[in-house]
Amino acid sequence: MARVGLTTERLVRAGAELADEIGFEQVTPAELARRCGVKTASLYSHVRNAHDLKTGIALLALEELADRGAAALAGRAGKDALTAFANVYRDYALQHPGRFVAARFRLDPEAAAASAGARHAGMMRAILRGYHLAEPHRTHAVRLLGSVFGGFVTLESAGGFDHSAPSSQESWTEILDALDALLRTWPTAP
């Protein structure tokens, strides 16, 4: 990226690409400046510091995931919606490992409120309407799904399933089947 034309958006996108290559934790203004062929000081008129840069990457990742999730859910319900949404998370994590980590970056309350995080929760809640869960059970189920999706793809991305049978795809399919069965029979008694 040439020095001319540096913008916050371009730097955040370049930072996201860098995160996918070297890992989100390794992204720094100095590393991004090297990548862009500029001095680190040149970035500071666009991003205040490393935290600001990482927040931007996190917001971009959340937006990308929400857009993909919305497209995958269109016209789907029940298990079909659950599977489509889960596959969006898994595919995104495998295609964009650094961005996927960035999507879990702890945001300050103001940034979180402005993020696409609420869209993610809304989509999960929409999926769960098909399972007829009332509160607080729906919130518990949203947290369960987020934990399963995030945990599985984190382990898979780290190679945690590479050296044993069955394949991770087979496990993923069985886990989604089990989640569907669990959600259909979720215990709702107090």
Protein backbone atom coordinates (compact mmCIF):
# COMPACT_ATOMS: atom_id res chain seq x y z
CA MET A 1 0.00 0.00 0.00
CA ALA A 2 1.46 3.34 -1.01
CA ARG A 3 1.70 6.15 1.52
CA VAL A 4 -0.67 8.24 -0.58
CA GLY A 5 -4.20 7.12 0.12
CA LEU A 6 -3.75 5.88 3.67
CA THR A 7 -7.14 5.90 5.38
CA THR A 8 -8.43 4.33 8.54
CA GLU A 9 -10.51 1.86 6.51
CA ARG A 10 -7.55 0.83 4.33
CA LEU A 11 -5.32 0.41 7.38
CA VAL A 12 -7.92 -1.69 9.19
CA ARG A 13 -8.35 -3.90 6.11
CA ALA A 14 -4.58 -4.24 5.76
CA GLY A 15 -4.41 -5.05 9.47
CA ALA A 16 -7.09 -7.73 9.02
CA GLU A 17 -5.13 -9.29 6.15
CA LEU A 18 -2.00 -9.17 8.28
CA ALA A 19 -3.88 -10.83 11.18
CA ASP A 20 -4.86 -13.69 8.88
CA GLU A 21 -1.23 -14.15 7.89
CA ILE A 22 0.66 -13.73 11.17
CA GLY A 23 -2.04 -13.94 13.85
CA PHE A 24 -4.17 -11.25 15.40
CA GLU A 25 -2.04 -11.05 18.54
CA GLN A 26 1.03 -10.16 16.44
CA VAL A 27 -0.58 -7.21 14.66
CA THR A 28 0.97 -3.94 15.81
CA PRO A 29 1.14 -0.46 14.30
CA ALA A 30 4.87 -1.01 13.67
CA GLU A 31 4.25 -4.28 11.82
CA LEU A 32 1.41 -2.72 9.82
CA ALA A 33 3.60 0.28 8.94
CA ARG A 34 6.31 -2.10 7.64
CA ARG A 35 3.69 -3.87 5.56
CA CYS A 36 2.44 -0.57 4.16
CA GLY A 37 5.93 0.80 3.50
CA VAL A 38 5.53 3.81 5.78
CA LYS A 39 6.88 4.98 9.11
CA THR A 40 4.83 4.02 12.14
CA ALA A 41 4.17 7.69 12.90
CA SER A 42 2.31 7.94 9.57
CA LEU A 43 -0.38 5.62 10.90
CA TYR A 44 -1.21 7.66 13.96
CA SER A 45 -3.30 10.20 12.10
CA HIS A 46 -5.60 7.27 11.20
CA VAL A 47 -5.38 4.96 14.24
CA ARG A 48 -4.52 6.25 17.73
CA ASN A 49 -2.68 3.17 18.98
CA ALA A 50 -2.51 -0.64 18.84
CA HIS A 51 -5.76 -0.99 20.76
CA ASP A 52 -7.54 1.31 18.30
CA LEU A 53 -6.18 -0.73 15.38
CA LYS A 54 -7.25 -4.02 16.96
CA THR A 55 -10.69 -2.61 17.74
CA GLY A 56 -11.06 -1.65 14.08
CA ILE A 57 -10.09 -5.14 12.96
CA ALA A 58 -12.54 -6.65 15.46
CA LEU A 59 -15.36 -4.44 14.22
CA LEU A 60 -14.57 -5.37 10.61
CA ALA A 61 -14.56 -9.09 11.46
CA LEU A 62 -17.86 -8.85 13.33
CA GLU A 63 -19.42 -7.02 10.39
CA GLU A 64 -18.14 -9.55 7.85
CA LEU A 65 -19.40 -12.46 9.96
CA ALA A 66 -22.80 -10.81 10.45
CA ASP A 67 -23.17 -10.17 6.72
CA ARG A 68 -22.29 -13.78 5.92
CA GLY A 69 -24.60 -15.05 8.65
CA ALA A 70 -27.54 -12.99 7.39
CA ALA A 71 -27.02 -14.24 3.85
CA ALA A 72 -26.80 -17.85 5.03
CA LEU A 73 -29.97 -17.61 7.13
CA ALA A 74 -32.16 -16.10 4.42
CA GLY A 75 -35.15 -18.39 3.91
CA ARG A 76 -33.99 -21.03 6.39
CA ALA A 77 -35.45 -22.25 9.67
CA GLY A 78 -34.88 -24.94 12.27
CA LYS A 79 -31.97 -27.30 11.82
CA ASP A 80 -31.27 -25.94 8.34
CA ALA A 81 -30.78 -22.45 9.79
CA LEU A 82 -28.70 -23.77 12.69
CA THR A 83 -26.41 -25.68 10.32
CA ALA A 84 -26.07 -22.79 7.86
CA PHE A 85 -25.18 -20.34 10.62
CA ALA A 86 -22.72 -22.73 12.26
CA ASN A 87 -21.02 -23.33 8.91
CA VAL A 88 -20.60 -19.59 8.42
CA TYR A 89 -18.60 -19.42 11.65
CA ARG A 90 -16.54 -22.48 10.83
CA ASP A 91 -15.82 -21.42 7.25
CA TYR A 92 -14.90 -17.89 8.32
CA ALA A 93 -12.53 -19.21 11.00
CA LEU A 94 -10.80 -21.48 8.50
CA GLN A 95 -10.60 -18.80 5.77
CA HIS A 96 -9.73 -15.89 8.08
CA PRO A 97 -8.10 -17.25 11.24
CA GLY A 98 -6.77 -13.89 12.42
CA ARG A 99 -10.04 -12.10 11.84
CA PHE A 100 -11.92 -14.86 13.64
CA VAL A 101 -9.72 -14.30 16.69
CA ALA A 102 -10.29 -10.55 16.29
CA ALA A 103 -14.06 -11.07 16.40
CA ARG A 104 -13.62 -12.19 20.02
CA PHE A 105 -11.51 -9.15 21.00
CA ARG A 106 -12.91 -7.49 24.10
CA LEU A 107 -14.49 -4.21 23.03
CA ASP A 108 -15.20 -1.27 25.28
CA PRO A 109 -18.93 -0.69 25.87
CA GLU A 110 -19.21 2.12 23.31
CA ALA A 111 -17.50 0.13 20.55
CA ALA A 112 -19.51 -3.00 21.44
CA ALA A 113 -22.77 -1.06 21.21
CA ALA A 114 -21.82 0.21 17.75
CA SER A 115 -20.62 -3.19 16.54
CA ALA A 116 -22.35 -5.94 14.61
CA GLY A 117 -22.28 -8.08 17.77
CA ALA A 118 -25.95 -7.38 18.38
CA ARG A 119 -26.72 -8.68 14.88
CA HIS A 120 -24.99 -11.97 15.77
CA ALA A 121 -27.06 -12.38 18.91
CA GLY A 122 -30.20 -11.42 17.00
CA MET A 123 -29.54 -14.03 14.35
CA MET A 124 -28.96 -16.72 16.97
CA ARG A 125 -32.17 -15.70 18.70
CA ALA A 126 -33.99 -15.89 15.37
CA ILE A 127 -32.70 -19.44 14.86
CA LEU A 128 -33.86 -20.36 18.36
CA ARG A 129 -37.39 -19.08 17.76
CA GLY A 130 -37.81 -22.19 15.63
CA TYR A 131 -37.09 -24.26 18.73
CA HIS A 132 -39.71 -22.40 20.82
CA LEU A 133 -37.40 -21.48 23.69
CA ALA A 134 -38.57 -18.76 26.04
CA GLU A 135 -36.33 -16.63 28.24
CA PRO A 136 -34.09 -17.26 30.10
CA HIS A 137 -33.61 -20.54 28.21
CA ARG A 138 -33.08 -18.75 24.90
CA THR A 139 -30.19 -16.74 26.39
CA HIS A 140 -28.64 -19.92 27.78
CA ALA A 141 -28.97 -21.55 24.36
CA VAL A 142 -27.37 -18.55 22.60
CA ARG A 143 -24.42 -18.86 24.95
CA LEU A 144 -24.20 -22.61 24.39
CA LEU A 145 -24.20 -22.25 20.60
CA GLY A 146 -21.57 -19.50 20.70
CA SER A 147 -19.40 -21.63 22.97
CA VAL A 148 -19.70 -24.73 20.81
CA PHE A 149 -19.09 -22.93 17.52
CA GLY A 150 -16.20 -20.89 18.88
CA GLY A 151 -14.64 -23.75 20.81
CA PHE A 152 -14.82 -26.26 17.99
CA VAL A 153 -13.36 -23.98 15.33
CA THR A 154 -10.64 -22.74 17.68
CA LEU A 155 -9.53 -26.31 18.37
CA GLU A 156 -9.85 -27.28 14.71
CA SER A 157 -7.87 -24.24 13.54
CA ALA A 158 -5.11 -25.09 16.01
CA GLY A 159 -4.85 -28.62 14.57
CA GLY A 160 -6.46 -30.21 17.60
CA PHE A 161 -8.29 -32.82 15.54
CA ASP A 162 -5.60 -33.55 12.95
CA HIS A 163 -4.20 -36.72 14.46
CA SER A 164 -7.25 -38.77 15.32
CA ALA A 165 -10.24 -40.37 13.68
CA PRO A 166 -12.98 -39.66 12.83
CA SER A 167 -12.49 -36.55 10.71
CA SER A 168 -13.32 -33.15 12.10
CA GLN A 169 -16.05 -32.85 9.45
CA GLU A 170 -17.70 -36.01 10.74
CA SER A 171 -17.54 -34.68 14.29
CA TRP A 172 -18.92 -31.29 13.18
CA THR A 173 -21.90 -32.95 11.50
CA GLU A 174 -22.62 -35.09 14.54
CA ILE A 175 -22.29 -32.13 16.91
CA LEU A 176 -24.77 -30.11 14.85
CA ASP A 177 -27.19 -33.06 14.87
CA ALA A 178 -26.80 -33.31 18.66
CA LEU A 179 -27.35 -29.56 19.10
CA ASP A 180 -30.53 -29.77 17.04
CA ALA A 181 -31.78 -32.67 19.17
CA LEU A 182 -30.88 -30.84 22.38
CA LEU A 183 -32.62 -27.65 21.28
CA ARG A 184 -35.77 -29.56 20.34
CA THR A 185 -35.90 -31.13 23.81
CA TRP A 186 -34.41 -28.29 25.90
CA PRO A 187 -35.49 -28.66 29.53
CA THR A 188 -37.60 -25.62 30.38
CA ALA A 189 -38.89 -26.57 33.82
CA PRO A 190 -37.72 -24.24 36.64
